[in-house]
Amino acid sequence: MIEQAKDKIFKFIGSHVSPHRLNDDDDIFQLGLVNSLFAMQLVGFVEKEFAIIVENEELKIDNFKSVTNLTKYVECKSVNK
């Protein structure tokens, strides 16, 4: 599950950012690879792809700033469904 989620997240982010070699722990916001509009698209992707609901209080940059963090967030939400 974790590796599949990570692969899906990598593919989604990779298809929306300029060519950049993205590592698991790269902060996509700090690197300037994404903007606030893409952040909302990322939230929508996560909700649809993994059948979870991102609550308002979970809309923290730490949950979404890297592939590693986002994978952990998705895994935690999926377990707690």
C-alpha atoms as a PDB file:
ATOM      1  CA  MET A   1       0.000   0.000   0.000  1.00  0.00           C
ATOM      2  CA  ILE A   2       2.694   2.495   0.984  1.00  0.00           C
ATOM      3  CA  GLU A   3       4.790   2.009  -2.157  1.00  0.00           C
ATOM      4  CA  GLN A   4       1.706   2.159  -4.387  1.00  0.00           C
ATOM      5  CA  ALA A   5       0.600   5.392  -2.716  1.00  0.00           C
ATOM      6  CA  LYS A   6       4.080   6.862  -3.052  1.00  0.00           C
ATOM      7  CA  ASP A   7       4.219   5.964  -6.759  1.00  0.00           C
ATOM      8  CA  LYS A   8       0.814   7.536  -7.422  1.00  0.00           C
ATOM      9  CA  ILE A   9       1.806  10.709  -5.558  1.00  0.00           C
ATOM     10  CA  PHE A  10       5.120  10.946  -7.448  1.00  0.00           C
ATOM     11  CA  LYS A  11       3.323  10.537 -10.777  1.00  0.00           C
ATOM     12  CA  PHE A  12       0.707  13.162  -9.951  1.00  0.00           C
ATOM     13  CA  ILE A  13       3.211  15.741  -8.752  1.00  0.00           C
ATOM     14  CA  GLY A  14       5.589  14.950 -11.605  1.00  0.00           C
ATOM     15  CA  SER A  15       2.891  15.509 -14.185  1.00  0.00           C
ATOM     16  CA  HIS A  16       2.190  18.998 -12.843  1.00  0.00           C
ATOM     17  CA  VAL A  17       5.587  20.497 -12.072  1.00  0.00           C
ATOM     18  CA  SER A  18       8.379  21.622 -14.311  1.00  0.00           C
ATOM     19  CA  PRO A  19      11.036  19.004 -14.991  1.00  0.00           C
ATOM     20  CA  HIS A  20      12.855  18.480 -11.741  1.00  0.00           C
ATOM     21  CA  ARG A  21      14.367  15.440 -10.169  1.00  0.00           C
ATOM     22  CA  LEU A  22      12.155  15.041  -7.144  1.00  0.00           C
ATOM     23  CA  ASN A  23      13.348  13.153  -4.100  1.00  0.00           C
ATOM     24  CA  ASP A  24      11.074  11.672  -1.431  1.00  0.00           C
ATOM     25  CA  ASP A  25      11.857  14.367   1.126  1.00  0.00           C
ATOM     26  CA  ASP A  26      12.107  17.429  -1.151  1.00  0.00           C
ATOM     27  CA  ASP A  27       9.916  20.285   0.058  1.00  0.00           C
ATOM     28  CA  ILE A  28       7.932  21.033  -3.105  1.00  0.00           C
ATOM     29  CA  PHE A  29       6.778  24.389  -1.746  1.00  0.00           C
ATOM     30  CA  GLN A  30      10.209  25.567  -0.618  1.00  0.00           C
ATOM     31  CA  LEU A  31      11.666  24.556  -3.985  1.00  0.00           C
ATOM     32  CA  GLY A  32       9.029  26.692  -5.710  1.00  0.00           C
ATOM     33  CA  LEU A  33       7.737  23.743  -7.713  1.00  0.00           C
ATOM     34  CA  VAL A  34       4.105  24.370  -6.814  1.00  0.00           C
ATOM     35  CA  ASN A  35       1.775  27.226  -5.986  1.00  0.00           C
ATOM     36  CA  SER A  36      -1.405  27.527  -3.920  1.00  0.00           C
ATOM     37  CA  LEU A  37      -3.620  26.502  -6.850  1.00  0.00           C
ATOM     38  CA  PHE A  38      -1.663  23.290  -7.287  1.00  0.00           C
ATOM     39  CA  ALA A  39      -1.849  22.698  -3.527  1.00  0.00           C
ATOM     40  CA  MET A  40      -5.639  22.583  -3.810  1.00  0.00           C
ATOM     41  CA  GLN A  41      -5.393  20.275  -6.839  1.00  0.00           C
ATOM     42  CA  LEU A  42      -3.132  18.034  -4.752  1.00  0.00           C
ATOM     43  CA  VAL A  43      -5.726  17.927  -1.974  1.00  0.00           C
ATOM     44  CA  GLY A  44      -8.424  17.001  -4.504  1.00  0.00           C
ATOM     45  CA  PHE A  45      -6.214  14.301  -6.000  1.00  0.00           C
ATOM     46  CA  VAL A  46      -5.510  12.777  -2.580  1.00  0.00           C
ATOM     47  CA  GLU A  47      -9.182  12.748  -1.639  1.00  0.00           C
ATOM     48  CA  LYS A  48     -10.278  11.164  -4.904  1.00  0.00           C
ATOM     49  CA  GLU A  49      -7.388   8.749  -5.440  1.00  0.00           C
ATOM     50  CA  PHE A  50      -7.260   7.400  -1.896  1.00  0.00           C
ATOM     51  CA  ALA A  51     -10.943   7.817  -0.967  1.00  0.00           C
ATOM     52  CA  ILE A  52     -10.220   9.950   2.078  1.00  0.00           C
ATOM     53  CA  ILE A  53     -11.479  13.303   3.296  1.00  0.00           C
ATOM     54  CA  VAL A  54      -8.941  15.970   4.144  1.00  0.00           C
ATOM     55  CA  GLU A  55     -10.364  17.861   7.101  1.00  0.00           C
ATOM     56  CA  ASN A  56      -9.769  21.621   7.403  1.00  0.00           C
ATOM     57  CA  GLU A  57      -7.539  21.163  10.437  1.00  0.00           C
ATOM     58  CA  GLU A  58      -5.381  18.730   8.411  1.00  0.00           C
ATOM     59  CA  LEU A  59      -4.652  21.311   5.701  1.00  0.00           C
ATOM     60  CA  LYS A  60      -1.171  21.910   7.042  1.00  0.00           C
ATOM     61  CA  ILE A  61       1.809  22.410   4.794  1.00  0.00           C
ATOM     62  CA  ASP A  62       3.707  19.733   6.739  1.00  0.00           C
ATOM     63  CA  ASN A  63       1.218  17.100   5.550  1.00  0.00           C
ATOM     64  CA  PHE A  64       1.676  18.048   1.887  1.00  0.00           C
ATOM     65  CA  LYS A  65       5.181  19.445   1.503  1.00  0.00           C
ATOM     66  CA  SER A  66       6.948  16.252   0.419  1.00  0.00           C
ATOM     67  CA  VAL A  67       6.162  12.882  -1.077  1.00  0.00           C
ATOM     68  CA  THR A  68       7.258  11.238   2.173  1.00  0.00           C
ATOM     69  CA  ASN A  69       4.979  13.392   4.339  1.00  0.00           C
ATOM     70  CA  LEU A  70       2.033  13.044   2.004  1.00  0.00           C
ATOM     71  CA  THR A  71       2.461   9.268   1.810  1.00  0.00           C
ATOM     72  CA  LYS A  72       2.524   9.065   5.625  1.00  0.00           C
ATOM     73  CA  TYR A  73      -0.576  11.260   5.817  1.00  0.00           C
ATOM     74  CA  VAL A  74      -2.456   9.106   3.294  1.00  0.00           C
ATOM     75  CA  GLU A  75      -1.407   5.935   5.085  1.00  0.00           C
ATOM     76  CA  CYS A  76      -2.584   7.298   8.441  1.00  0.00           C
ATOM     77  CA  LYS A  77      -5.935   8.443   7.020  1.00  0.00           C
ATOM     78  CA  SER A  78      -6.463   5.131   5.221  1.00  0.00           C
ATOM     79  CA  VAL A  79      -5.838   3.115   8.384  1.00  0.00           C
ATOM     80  CA  ASN A  80      -8.213   5.305  10.391  1.00  0.00           C
ATOM     81  CA  LYS A  81     -11.154   5.096   7.947  1.00  0.00           C
END
